[in-house]
Every structure is written in C-alpha cells, then in structure tokens.
Amino acid sequence: MDHKTVEEYLLSMPNAKLDYPFGEEVAVYKVSDKMFALIAEGKQPIRLSLKCDPQLSEVLKAKYDTVMPGYHLNKKHWITVILSGLPDWEEVQGLIRHSYLLVTGEHKLNQ
C-alpha cells in the first residue's frame, strides 16, 4: 500500500482536507476542522491513525497484530493501523469511512 493511494481515498471523503497542524511529520486529514485520520510522513509501512468506536477497536486489536491503540492519541477512541497487508485494503477503506462518519456524526443517521 502506498501513501498516494491512501491519501487519495482519504481526500475522496466529502469536504475532506489535508493539514499539517503538528508539523511536516504528520499529515492530518480533517472534515469540518475535526481530525478523522493521520499519517506519519515518511514511514514504511504506512501508519494510519483513525477514530474508531471503542468496541470495534477492541475487536480489531485482538484480531490483528497491525492494529494498536492510537499513537499519541486518545487510546480509547483512536487506533493506529500499520498498512502491511492485514487488514486488507477493502477493510482499511471501511475503517476510513467509519472514522469519517464518527467525526461528522453521520453514523448516528445510519443506526
């Protein structure tokens, strides 16, 4: 998985924007000035941090060695995924959408 592919998908979310509020080392993806994803620049494999429902977070951390508590983020509400193949890209895309919907509040509309 390459940074460009991940970034293009993140920025395909409605009204998503890229920002660097913490310096050049961390790409921050926001919607309505709220973070929904972060990527550590220059790291291989890619380290993608996403907002996540706490219960889903526990399931993912138990299932995958590559999913861990959010790096330098609230450990209850954020996960960091090392994009090394598992979870696969389709599942990562679902996690990106999940994060985006949590931040926008649209997940409440789908319940």
PDB file of N, CA and C in Angstrom:
ATOM      1  N   MET A   1       0.856  -1.184   0.000  1.00  0.00           N
ATOM      2  CA  MET A   1       0.000   0.000   0.000  1.00  0.00           C
ATOM      3  C   MET A   1       0.893   1.236   0.000  1.00  0.00           C
ATOM      4  N   ASP A   2       0.587   2.161  -0.882  1.00  0.00           N
ATOM      5  CA  ASP A   2       1.412   3.367  -0.944  1.00  0.00           C
ATOM      6  C   ASP A   2       0.655   4.584  -0.405  1.00  0.00           C
ATOM      7  N   HIS A   3       1.419   5.559   0.024  1.00  0.00           N
ATOM      8  CA  HIS A   3       0.876   6.770   0.645  1.00  0.00           C
ATOM      9  C   HIS A   3      -0.113   7.477  -0.290  1.00  0.00           C
ATOM     10  N   LYS A   4       0.217   7.570  -1.564  1.00  0.00           N
ATOM     11  CA  LYS A   4      -0.633   8.295  -2.513  1.00  0.00           C
ATOM     12  C   LYS A   4      -2.024   7.674  -2.599  1.00  0.00           C
ATOM     13  N   THR A   5      -2.097   6.344  -2.660  1.00  0.00           N
ATOM     14  CA  THR A   5      -3.394   5.653  -2.737  1.00  0.00           C
ATOM     15  C   THR A   5      -4.227   5.925  -1.495  1.00  0.00           C
ATOM     16  N   VAL A   6      -3.595   5.829  -0.334  1.00  0.00           N
ATOM     17  CA  VAL A   6      -4.305   6.073   0.921  1.00  0.00           C
ATOM     18  C   VAL A   6      -4.775   7.521   0.981  1.00  0.00           C
ATOM     19  N   GLU A   7      -3.886   8.447   0.642  1.00  0.00           N
ATOM     20  CA  GLU A   7      -4.245   9.869   0.683  1.00  0.00           C
ATOM     21  C   GLU A   7      -5.386  10.186  -0.285  1.00  0.00           C
ATOM     22  N   GLU A   8      -5.337   9.636  -1.477  1.00  0.00           N
ATOM     23  CA  GLU A   8      -6.418   9.889  -2.441  1.00  0.00           C
ATOM     24  C   GLU A   8      -7.757   9.408  -1.893  1.00  0.00           C
ATOM     25  N   TYR A   9      -7.748   8.257  -1.234  1.00  0.00           N
ATOM     26  CA  TYR A   9      -9.002   7.753  -0.673  1.00  0.00           C
ATOM     27  C   TYR A   9      -9.481   8.650   0.471  1.00  0.00           C
ATOM     28  N   LEU A  10      -8.574   9.043   1.346  1.00  0.00           N
ATOM     29  CA  LEU A  10      -8.946   9.936   2.451  1.00  0.00           C
ATOM     30  C   LEU A  10      -9.552  11.235   1.933  1.00  0.00           C
ATOM     31  N   LEU A  11      -8.922  11.807   0.920  1.00  0.00           N
ATOM     32  CA  LEU A  11      -9.399  13.086   0.376  1.00  0.00           C
ATOM     33  C   LEU A  11     -10.633  12.946  -0.505  1.00  0.00           C
ATOM     34  N   SER A  12     -11.036  11.698  -0.802  1.00  0.00           N
ATOM     35  CA  SER A  12     -12.269  11.488  -1.572  1.00  0.00           C
ATOM     36  C   SER A  12     -13.509  11.595  -0.681  1.00  0.00           C
ATOM     37  N   MET A  13     -13.307  11.620   0.635  1.00  0.00           N
ATOM     38  CA  MET A  13     -14.440  11.804   1.539  1.00  0.00           C
ATOM     39  C   MET A  13     -14.958  13.235   1.356  1.00  0.00           C
ATOM     40  N   PRO A  14     -16.280  13.425   1.384  1.00  0.00           N
ATOM     41  CA  PRO A  14     -16.835  14.769   1.168  1.00  0.00           C
ATOM     42  C   PRO A  14     -16.236  15.817   2.111  1.00  0.00           C
ATOM     43  N   ASN A  15     -15.766  16.898   1.535  1.00  0.00           N
ATOM     44  CA  ASN A  15     -15.214  18.055   2.261  1.00  0.00           C
ATOM     45  C   ASN A  15     -13.952  17.756   3.062  1.00  0.00           C
ATOM     46  N   ALA A  16     -13.276  16.648   2.777  1.00  0.00           N
ATOM     47  CA  ALA A  16     -12.034  16.318   3.478  1.00  0.00           C
ATOM     48  C   ALA A  16     -10.912  17.243   3.022  1.00  0.00           C
ATOM     49  N   LYS A  17     -10.060  17.602   3.969  1.00  0.00           N
ATOM     50  CA  LYS A  17      -8.937  18.491   3.682  1.00  0.00           C
ATOM     51  C   LYS A  17      -7.680  17.963   4.371  1.00  0.00           C
ATOM     52  N   LEU A  18      -6.537  18.258   3.765  1.00  0.00           N
ATOM     53  CA  LEU A  18      -5.242  17.891   4.319  1.00  0.00           C
ATOM     54  C   LEU A  18      -4.650  19.095   5.035  1.00  0.00           C
ATOM     55  N   ASP A  19      -4.075  18.864   6.216  1.00  0.00           N
ATOM     56  CA  ASP A  19      -3.476  19.944   7.002  1.00  0.00           C
ATOM     57  C   ASP A  19      -2.238  19.384   7.714  1.00  0.00           C
ATOM     58  N   TYR A  20      -1.375  20.267   8.171  1.00  0.00           N
ATOM     59  CA  TYR A  20      -0.173  19.892   8.915  1.00  0.00           C
ATOM     60  C   TYR A  20      -0.072  20.709  10.203  1.00  0.00           C
ATOM     61  N   PRO A  21      -1.058  20.600  11.104  1.00  0.00           N
ATOM     62  CA  PRO A  21      -1.032  21.420  12.320  1.00  0.00           C
ATOM     63  C   PRO A  21       0.065  21.020  13.316  1.00  0.00           C
ATOM     64  N   PHE A  22       0.631  19.818  13.174  1.00  0.00           N
ATOM     65  CA  PHE A  22       1.660  19.342  14.098  1.00  0.00           C
ATOM     66  C   PHE A  22       3.045  19.340  13.461  1.00  0.00           C
ATOM     67  N   GLY A  23       3.170  19.973  12.307  1.00  0.00           N
ATOM     68  CA  GLY A  23       4.445  19.992  11.597  1.00  0.00           C
ATOM     69  C   GLY A  23       4.445  19.039  10.418  1.00  0.00           C
ATOM     70  N   GLU A  24       5.558  19.036   9.697  1.00  0.00           N
ATOM     71  CA  GLU A  24       5.660  18.283   8.454  1.00  0.00           C
ATOM     72  C   GLU A  24       5.695  16.768   8.648  1.00  0.00           C
ATOM     73  N   GLU A  25       5.863  16.288   9.867  1.00  0.00           N
ATOM     74  CA  GLU A  25       5.987  14.857  10.112  1.00  0.00           C
ATOM     75  C   GLU A  25       4.656  14.118  10.103  1.00  0.00           C
ATOM     76  N   VAL A  26       3.539  14.852  10.255  1.00  0.00           N
ATOM     77  CA  VAL A  26       2.239  14.198  10.374  1.00  0.00           C
ATOM     78  C   VAL A  26       1.221  14.867   9.454  1.00  0.00           C
ATOM     79  N   ALA A  27       0.727  14.085   8.492  1.00  0.00           N
ATOM     80  CA  ALA A  27      -0.353  14.559   7.623  1.00  0.00           C
ATOM     81  C   ALA A  27      -1.670  14.326   8.356  1.00  0.00           C
ATOM     82  N   VAL A  28      -2.467  15.383   8.489  1.00  0.00           N
ATOM     83  CA  VAL A  28      -3.731  15.308   9.215  1.00  0.00           C
ATOM     84  C   VAL A  28      -4.872  15.559   8.231  1.00  0.00           C
ATOM     85  N   TYR A  29      -5.839  14.660   8.248  1.00  0.00           N
ATOM     86  CA  TYR A  29      -6.992  14.756   7.347  1.00  0.00           C
ATOM     87  C   TYR A  29      -8.192  15.137   8.201  1.00  0.00           C
ATOM     88  N   LYS A  30      -8.849  16.217   7.784  1.00  0.00           N
ATOM     89  CA  LYS A  30      -9.929  16.787   8.583  1.00  0.00           C
ATOM     90  C   LYS A  30     -11.192  16.952   7.756  1.00  0.00           C
ATOM     91  N   VAL A  31     -12.303  16.998   8.464  1.00  0.00           N
ATOM     92  CA  VAL A  31     -13.580  17.409   7.905  1.00  0.00           C
ATOM     93  C   VAL A  31     -14.204  18.333   8.951  1.00  0.00           C
ATOM     94  N   SER A  32     -14.694  19.470   8.511  1.00  0.00           N
ATOM     95  CA  SER A  32     -15.262  20.469   9.426  1.00  0.00           C
ATOM     96  C   SER A  32     -14.295  20.784  10.566  1.00  0.00           C
ATOM     97  N   ASP A  33     -13.006  20.919  10.235  1.00  0.00           N
ATOM     98  CA  ASP A  33     -11.943  21.234  11.191  1.00  0.00           C
ATOM     99  C   ASP A  33     -11.752  20.192  12.285  1.00  0.00           C
ATOM    100  N   LYS A  34     -12.263  18.972  12.077  1.00  0.00           N
ATOM    101  CA  LYS A  34     -12.075  17.880  13.028  1.00  0.00           C
ATOM    102  C   LYS A  34     -11.258  16.780  12.365  1.00  0.00           C
ATOM    103  N   MET A  35     -10.286  16.248  13.080  1.00  0.00           N
ATOM    104  CA  MET A  35      -9.432  15.193  12.536  1.00  0.00           C
ATOM    105  C   MET A  35     -10.209  13.882  12.415  1.00  0.00           C
ATOM    106  N   PHE A  36     -10.019  13.202  11.274  1.00  0.00           N
ATOM    107  CA  PHE A  36     -10.554  11.850  11.159  1.00  0.00           C
ATOM    108  C   PHE A  36      -9.468  10.850  10.770  1.00  0.00           C
ATOM    109  N   ALA A  37      -8.299  11.334  10.372  1.00  0.00           N
ATOM    110  CA  ALA A  37      -7.196  10.439  10.029  1.00  0.00           C
ATOM    111  C   ALA A  37      -5.866  11.181  10.112  1.00  0.00           C
ATOM    112  N   LEU A  38      -4.820  10.429  10.426  1.00  0.00           N
ATOM    113  CA  LEU A  38      -3.463  10.967  10.447  1.00  0.00           C
ATOM    114  C   LEU A  38      -2.532   9.930   9.833  1.00  0.00           C
ATOM    115  N   ILE A  39      -1.527  10.398   9.125  1.00  0.00           N
ATOM    116  CA  ILE A  39      -0.495   9.513   8.585  1.00  0.00           C
ATOM    117  C   ILE A  39       0.861  10.074   8.990  1.00  0.00           C
ATOM    118  N   ALA A  40       1.685   9.201   9.547  1.00  0.00           N
ATOM    119  CA  ALA A  40       3.067   9.578   9.869  1.00  0.00           C
ATOM    120  C   ALA A  40       3.836   9.637   8.548  1.00  0.00           C
ATOM    121  N   GLU A  41       4.311  10.814   8.185  1.00  0.00           N
ATOM    122  CA  GLU A  41       5.018  11.005   6.916  1.00  0.00           C
ATOM    123  C   GLU A  41       6.347  10.244   6.894  1.00  0.00           C
ATOM    124  N   GLY A  42       6.662   9.655   5.749  1.00  0.00           N
ATOM    125  CA  GLY A  42       7.951   9.022   5.538  1.00  0.00           C
ATOM    126  C   GLY A  42       8.135   7.676   6.204  1.00  0.00           C
ATOM    127  N   LYS A  43       7.095   7.095   6.763  1.00  0.00           N
ATOM    128  CA  LYS A  43       7.202   5.791   7.426  1.00  0.00           C
ATOM    129  C   LYS A  43       6.754   4.692   6.472  1.00  0.00           C
ATOM    130  N   GLN A  44       7.500   3.590   6.464  1.00  0.00           N
ATOM    131  CA  GLN A  44       7.126   2.404   5.699  1.00  0.00           C
ATOM    132  C   GLN A  44       7.213   1.200   6.614  1.00  0.00           C
ATOM    133  N   PRO A  45       6.179   0.388   6.720  1.00  0.00           N
ATOM    134  CA  PRO A  45       4.883   0.586   6.084  1.00  0.00           C
ATOM    135  C   PRO A  45       4.142   1.788   6.677  1.00  0.00           C
ATOM    136  N   ILE A  46       3.129   2.216   5.980  1.00  0.00           N
ATOM    137  CA  ILE A  46       2.343   3.387   6.381  1.00  0.00           C
ATOM    138  C   ILE A  46       1.675   3.131   7.725  1.00  0.00           C
ATOM    139  N   ARG A  47       1.694   4.154   8.575  1.00  0.00           N
ATOM    140  CA  ARG A  47       0.999   4.111   9.859  1.00  0.00           C
ATOM    141  C   ARG A  47      -0.160   5.099   9.792  1.00  0.00           C
ATOM    142  N   LEU A  48      -1.371   4.550   9.752  1.00  0.00           N
ATOM    143  CA  LEU A  48      -2.594   5.326   9.596  1.00  0.00           C
ATOM    144  C   LEU A  48      -3.368   5.307  10.905  1.00  0.00           C
ATOM    145  N   SER A  49      -3.639   6.470  11.463  1.00  0.00           N
ATOM    146  CA  SER A  49      -4.426   6.567  12.688  1.00  0.00           C
ATOM    147  C   SER A  49      -5.830   7.032  12.337  1.00  0.00           C
ATOM    148  N   LEU A  50      -6.812   6.361  12.940  1.00  0.00           N
ATOM    149  CA  LEU A  50      -8.218   6.628  12.649  1.00  0.00           C
ATOM    150  C   LEU A  50      -9.036   6.646  13.928  1.00  0.00           C
ATOM    151  N   LYS A  51     -10.075   7.464  13.929  1.00  0.00           N
ATOM    152  CA  LYS A  51     -11.038   7.446  15.023  1.00  0.00           C
ATOM    153  C   LYS A  51     -11.806   6.125  14.903  1.00  0.00           C
ATOM    154  N   CYS A  52     -12.154   5.522  16.037  1.00  0.00           N
ATOM    155  CA  CYS A  52     -12.801   4.213  15.992  1.00  0.00           C
ATOM    156  C   CYS A  52     -13.704   4.025  17.204  1.00  0.00           C
ATOM    157  N   ASP A  53     -14.833   3.399  16.982  1.00  0.00           N
ATOM    158  CA  ASP A  53     -15.719   3.025  18.075  1.00  0.00           C
ATOM    159  C   ASP A  53     -14.927   2.142  19.044  1.00  0.00           C
ATOM    160  N   PRO A  54     -14.994   2.403  20.363  1.00  0.00           N
ATOM    161  CA  PRO A  54     -14.187   1.640  21.317  1.00  0.00           C
ATOM    162  C   PRO A  54     -14.397   0.117  21.260  1.00  0.00           C
ATOM    163  N   GLN A  55     -15.617  -0.328  21.051  1.00  0.00           N
ATOM    164  CA  GLN A  55     -15.867  -1.777  20.986  1.00  0.00           C
ATOM    165  C   GLN A  55     -15.251  -2.380  19.731  1.00  0.00           C
ATOM    166  N   LEU A  56     -15.396  -1.708  18.604  1.00  0.00           N
ATOM    167  CA  LEU A  56     -14.782  -2.181  17.365  1.00  0.00           C
ATOM    168  C   LEU A  56     -13.266  -2.172  17.498  1.00  0.00           C
ATOM    169  N   SER A  57     -12.748  -1.159  18.139  1.00  0.00           N
ATOM    170  CA  SER A  57     -11.313  -1.044  18.357  1.00  0.00           C
ATOM    171  C   SER A  57     -10.766  -2.278  19.077  1.00  0.00           C
ATOM    172  N   GLU A  58     -11.445  -2.722  20.113  1.00  0.00           N
ATOM    173  CA  GLU A  58     -11.008  -3.901  20.869  1.00  0.00           C
ATOM    174  C   GLU A  58     -11.027  -5.154  19.995  1.00  0.00           C
ATOM    175  N   VAL A  59     -12.055  -5.312  19.178  1.00  0.00           N
ATOM    176  CA  VAL A  59     -12.149  -6.460  18.265  1.00  0.00           C
ATOM    177  C   VAL A  59     -10.985  -6.443  17.271  1.00  0.00           C
ATOM    178  N   LEU A  60     -10.723  -5.273  16.690  1.00  0.00           N
ATOM    179  CA  LEU A  60      -9.646  -5.156  15.701  1.00  0.00           C
ATOM    180  C   LEU A  60      -8.275  -5.421  16.315  1.00  0.00           C
ATOM    181  N   LYS A  61      -8.038  -4.895  17.517  1.00  0.00           N
ATOM    182  CA  LYS A  61      -6.743  -5.099  18.179  1.00  0.00           C
ATOM    183  C   LYS A  61      -6.527  -6.573  18.528  1.00  0.00           C
ATOM    184  N   ALA A  62      -7.606  -7.281  18.858  1.00  0.00           N
ATOM    185  CA  ALA A  62      -7.497  -8.709  19.159  1.00  0.00           C
ATOM    186  C   ALA A  62      -7.268  -9.528  17.886  1.00  0.00           C
ATOM    187  N   LYS A  63      -7.837  -9.089  16.787  1.00  0.00           N
ATOM    188  CA  LYS A  63      -7.769  -9.830  15.519  1.00  0.00           C
ATOM    189  C   LYS A  63      -6.460  -9.613  14.765  1.00  0.00           C
ATOM    190  N   TYR A  64      -5.917  -8.387  14.814  1.00  0.00           N
ATOM    191  CA  TYR A  64      -4.745  -8.032  14.011  1.00  0.00           C
ATOM    192  C   TYR A  64      -3.599  -7.505  14.875  1.00  0.00           C
ATOM    193  N   ASP A  65      -2.411  -8.038  14.648  1.00  0.00           N
ATOM    194  CA  ASP A  65      -1.216  -7.500  15.311  1.00  0.00           C
ATOM    195  C   ASP A  65      -0.882  -6.106  14.804  1.00  0.00           C
ATOM    196  N   THR A  66      -1.383  -5.746  13.632  1.00  0.00           N
ATOM    197  CA  THR A  66      -1.070  -4.465  12.997  1.00  0.00           C
ATOM    198  C   THR A  66      -2.026  -3.349  13.403  1.00  0.00           C
ATOM    199  N   VAL A  67      -2.968  -3.648  14.281  1.00  0.00           N
ATOM    200  CA  VAL A  67      -3.885  -2.625  14.799  1.00  0.00           C
ATOM    201  C   VAL A  67      -3.574  -2.445  16.278  1.00  0.00           C
ATOM    202  N   MET A  68      -3.287  -1.205  16.655  1.00  0.00           N
ATOM    203  CA  MET A  68      -2.902  -0.907  18.035  1.00  0.00           C
ATOM    204  C   MET A  68      -3.585   0.381  18.495  1.00  0.00           C
ATOM    205  N   PRO A  69      -3.500   0.667  19.798  1.00  0.00           N
ATOM    206  CA  PRO A  69      -4.078   1.928  20.274  1.00  0.00           C
ATOM    207  C   PRO A  69      -3.475   3.114  19.522  1.00  0.00           C
ATOM    208  N   GLY A  70      -4.249   4.159  19.359  1.00  0.00           N
ATOM    209  CA  GLY A  70      -3.801   5.341  18.624  1.00  0.00           C
ATOM    210  C   GLY A  70      -2.504   5.918  19.141  1.00  0.00           C
ATOM    211  N   TYR A  71      -1.553   6.074  18.265  1.00  0.00           N
ATOM    212  CA  TYR A  71      -0.240   6.594  18.618  1.00  0.00           C
ATOM    213  C   TYR A  71      -0.353   8.082  18.916  1.00  0.00           C
ATOM    214  N   HIS A  72      -0.019   8.494  20.134  1.00  0.00           N
ATOM    215  CA  HIS A  72      -0.115   9.885  20.607  1.00  0.00           C
ATOM    216  C   HIS A  72      -1.539  10.439  20.515  1.00  0.00           C
ATOM    217  N   LEU A  73      -2.526   9.558  20.635  1.00  0.00           N
ATOM    218  CA  LEU A  73      -3.933   9.968  20.567  1.00  0.00           C
ATOM    219  C   LEU A  73      -4.691   9.309  21.716  1.00  0.00           C
ATOM    220  N   ASN A  74      -5.948   9.683  21.888  1.00  0.00           N
ATOM    221  CA  ASN A  74      -6.790   9.071  22.900  1.00  0.00           C
ATOM    222  C   ASN A  74      -6.891   7.572  22.603  1.00  0.00           C
ATOM    223  N   LYS A  75      -6.370   6.749  23.494  1.00  0.00           N
ATOM    224  CA  LYS A  75      -6.281   5.301  23.267  1.00  0.00           C
ATOM    225  C   LYS A  75      -7.648   4.626  23.196  1.00  0.00           C
ATOM    226  N   LYS A  76      -8.650   5.239  23.759  1.00  0.00           N
ATOM    227  CA  LYS A  76      -9.997   4.651  23.750  1.00  0.00           C
ATOM    228  C   LYS A  76     -10.693   4.884  22.412  1.00  0.00           C
ATOM    229  N   HIS A  77     -10.471   6.041  21.801  1.00  0.00           N
ATOM    230  CA  HIS A  77     -11.230   6.429  20.618  1.00  0.00           C
ATOM    231  C   HIS A  77     -10.443   6.430  19.315  1.00  0.00           C
ATOM    232  N   TRP A  78      -9.154   6.082  19.372  1.00  0.00           N
ATOM    233  CA  TRP A  78      -8.325   6.096  18.158  1.00  0.00           C
ATOM    234  C   TRP A  78      -7.519   4.804  18.063  1.00  0.00           C
ATOM    235  N   ILE A  79      -7.313   4.356  16.824  1.00  0.00           N
ATOM    236  CA  ILE A  79      -6.439   3.217  16.551  1.00  0.00           C
ATOM    237  C   ILE A  79      -5.382   3.649  15.540  1.00  0.00           C
ATOM    238  N   THR A  80      -4.256   2.963  15.564  1.00  0.00           N
ATOM    239  CA  THR A  80      -3.239   3.127  14.530  1.00  0.00           C
ATOM    240  C   THR A  80      -3.114   1.782  13.827  1.00  0.00           C
ATOM    241  N   VAL A  81      -3.218   1.826  12.500  1.00  0.00           N
ATOM    242  CA  VAL A  81      -3.143   0.622  11.678  1.00  0.00           C
ATOM    243  C   VAL A  81      -1.853   0.688  10.866  1.00  0.00           C
ATOM    244  N   ILE A  82      -1.041  -0.345  10.982  1.00  0.00           N
ATOM    245  CA  ILE A  82       0.159  -0.443  10.157  1.00  0.00           C
ATOM    246  C   ILE A  82      -0.263  -1.157   8.872  1.00  0.00           C
ATOM    247  N   LEU A  83      -0.168  -0.462   7.752  1.00  0.00           N
ATOM    248  CA  LEU A  83      -0.677  -0.988   6.483  1.00  0.00           C
ATOM    249  C   LEU A  83       0.347  -1.916   5.829  1.00  0.00           C
ATOM    250  N   SER A  84       0.373  -3.155   6.318  1.00  0.00           N
ATOM    251  CA  SER A  84       1.319  -4.143   5.802  1.00  0.00           C
ATOM    252  C   SER A  84       0.609  -5.331   5.154  1.00  0.00           C
ATOM    253  N   GLY A  85      -0.692  -5.202   4.911  1.00  0.00           N
ATOM    254  CA  GLY A  85      -1.425  -6.267   4.229  1.00  0.00           C
ATOM    255  C   GLY A  85      -2.639  -6.765   4.993  1.00  0.00           C
ATOM    256  N   LEU A  86      -2.567  -6.764   6.307  1.00  0.00           N
ATOM    257  CA  LEU A  86      -3.707  -7.147   7.128  1.00  0.00           C
ATOM    258  C   LEU A  86      -3.941  -6.046   8.145  1.00  0.00           C
ATOM    259  N   PRO A  87      -5.145  -5.528   8.260  1.00  0.00           N
ATOM    260  CA  PRO A  87      -6.298  -5.834   7.430  1.00  0.00           C
ATOM    261  C   PRO A  87      -6.066  -5.435   5.968  1.00  0.00           C
ATOM    262  N   ASP A  88      -6.851  -6.060   5.083  1.00  0.00           N
ATOM    263  CA  ASP A  88      -6.665  -5.771   3.656  1.00  0.00           C
ATOM    264  C   ASP A  88      -7.207  -4.379   3.314  1.00  0.00           C
ATOM    265  N   TRP A  89      -6.896  -3.913   2.110  1.00  0.00           N
ATOM    266  CA  TRP A  89      -7.239  -2.549   1.699  1.00  0.00           C
ATOM    267  C   TRP A  89      -8.735  -2.289   1.780  1.00  0.00           C
ATOM    268  N   GLU A  90      -9.556  -3.264   1.416  1.00  0.00           N
ATOM    269  CA  GLU A  90     -11.007  -3.074   1.471  1.00  0.00           C
ATOM    270  C   GLU A  90     -11.472  -2.817   2.910  1.00  0.00           C
ATOM    271  N   GLU A  91     -10.916  -3.562   3.858  1.00  0.00           N
ATOM    272  CA  GLU A  91     -11.281  -3.352   5.254  1.00  0.00           C
ATOM    273  C   GLU A  91     -10.751  -2.014   5.771  1.00  0.00           C
ATOM    274  N   VAL A  92      -9.555  -1.634   5.334  1.00  0.00           N
ATOM    275  CA  VAL A  92      -8.999  -0.331   5.710  1.00  0.00           C
ATOM    276  C   VAL A  92      -9.896   0.788   5.179  1.00  0.00           C
ATOM    277  N   GLN A  93     -10.376   0.644   3.956  1.00  0.00           N
ATOM    278  CA  GLN A  93     -11.287   1.654   3.407  1.00  0.00           C
ATOM    279  C   GLN A  93     -12.547   1.757   4.281  1.00  0.00           C
ATOM    280  N   GLY A  94     -13.063   0.624   4.737  1.00  0.00           N
ATOM    281  CA  GLY A  94     -14.223   0.634   5.634  1.00  0.00           C
ATOM    282  C   GLY A  94     -13.918   1.342   6.938  1.00  0.00           C
ATOM    283  N   LEU A  95     -12.706   1.143   7.463  1.00  0.00           N
ATOM    284  CA  LEU A  95     -12.312   1.818   8.704  1.00  0.00           C
ATOM    285  C   LEU A  95     -12.168   3.322   8.492  1.00  0.00           C
ATOM    286  N   ILE A  96     -11.685   3.717   7.323  1.00  0.00           N
ATOM    287  CA  ILE A  96     -11.599   5.150   6.994  1.00  0.00           C
ATOM    288  C   ILE A  96     -12.995   5.751   6.952  1.00  0.00           C
ATOM    289  N   ARG A  97     -13.924   5.074   6.283  1.00  0.00           N
ATOM    290  CA  ARG A  97     -15.311   5.580   6.228  1.00  0.00           C
ATOM    291  C   ARG A  97     -15.910   5.644   7.633  1.00  0.00           C
ATOM    292  N   HIS A  98     -15.652   4.620   8.447  1.00  0.00           N
ATOM    293  CA  HIS A  98     -16.152   4.585   9.826  1.00  0.00           C
ATOM    294  C   HIS A  98     -15.637   5.801  10.605  1.00  0.00           C
ATOM    295  N   SER A  99     -14.348   6.082  10.496  1.00  0.00           N
ATOM    296  CA  SER A  99     -13.752   7.228  11.185  1.00  0.00           C
ATOM    297  C   SER A  99     -14.402   8.528  10.720  1.00  0.00           C
ATOM    298  N   TYR A 100     -14.510   8.674   9.413  1.00  0.00           N
ATOM    299  CA  TYR A 100     -15.107   9.875   8.834  1.00  0.00           C
ATOM    300  C   TYR A 100     -16.537  10.070   9.362  1.00  0.00           C
ATOM    301  N   LEU A 101     -17.320   8.996   9.373  1.00  0.00           N
ATOM    302  CA  LEU A 101     -18.708   9.094   9.829  1.00  0.00           C
ATOM    303  C   LEU A 101     -18.805   9.388  11.321  1.00  0.00           C
ATOM    304  N   LEU A 102     -17.881   8.847  12.114  1.00  0.00           N
ATOM    305  CA  LEU A 102     -17.865   9.179  13.546  1.00  0.00           C
ATOM    306  C   LEU A 102     -17.628  10.672  13.752  1.00  0.00           C
ATOM    307  N   VAL A 103     -16.699  11.214  12.995  1.00  0.00           N
ATOM    308  CA  VAL A 103     -16.344  12.627  13.151  1.00  0.00           C
ATOM    309  C   VAL A 103     -17.456  13.546  12.652  1.00  0.00           C
ATOM    310  N   THR A 104     -18.098  13.181  11.559  1.00  0.00           N
ATOM    311  CA  THR A 104     -19.152  14.029  11.006  1.00  0.00           C
ATOM    312  C   THR A 104     -20.492  13.837  11.735  1.00  0.00           C
ATOM    313  N   GLY A 105     -20.605  12.773  12.514  1.00  0.00           N
ATOM    314  CA  GLY A 105     -21.859  12.485  13.202  1.00  0.00           C
ATOM    315  C   GLY A 105     -22.867  11.777  12.343  1.00  0.00           C
ATOM    316  N   GLU A 106     -22.480  11.465  11.108  1.00  0.00           N
ATOM    317  CA  GLU A 106     -23.421  10.815  10.184  1.00  0.00           C
ATOM    318  C   GLU A 106     -23.687   9.357  10.568  1.00  0.00           C
ATOM    319  N   HIS A 107     -22.806   8.757  11.376  1.00  0.00           N
ATOM    320  CA  HIS A 107     -23.035   7.358  11.782  1.00  0.00           C
ATOM    321  C   HIS A 107     -24.342   7.218  12.559  1.00  0.00           C
ATOM    322  N   LYS A 108     -24.748   8.287  13.254  1.00  0.00           N
ATOM    323  CA  LYS A 108     -25.997   8.247  14.023  1.00  0.00           C
ATOM    324  C   LYS A 108     -27.209   8.142  13.097  1.00  0.00           C
ATOM    325  N   LEU A 109     -27.074   8.647  11.878  1.00  0.00           N
ATOM    326  CA  LEU A 109     -28.162   8.586  10.921  1.00  0.00           C
ATOM    327  C   LEU A 109     -28.366   7.163  10.400  1.00  0.00           C
ATOM    328  N   ASN A 110     -27.310   6.352  10.454  1.00  0.00           N
ATOM    329  CA  ASN A 110     -27.369   5.005   9.905  1.00  0.00           C
ATOM    330  C   ASN A 110     -27.790   3.959  10.950  1.00  0.00           C
ATOM    331  N   GLN A 111     -28.040   4.379  12.168  1.00  0.00           N
ATOM    332  CA  GLN A 111     -28.399   3.415  13.205  1.00  0.00           C
ATOM    333  C   GLN A 111     -29.886   3.242  13.281  1.00  0.00           C
TER     334      GLN A 111
END
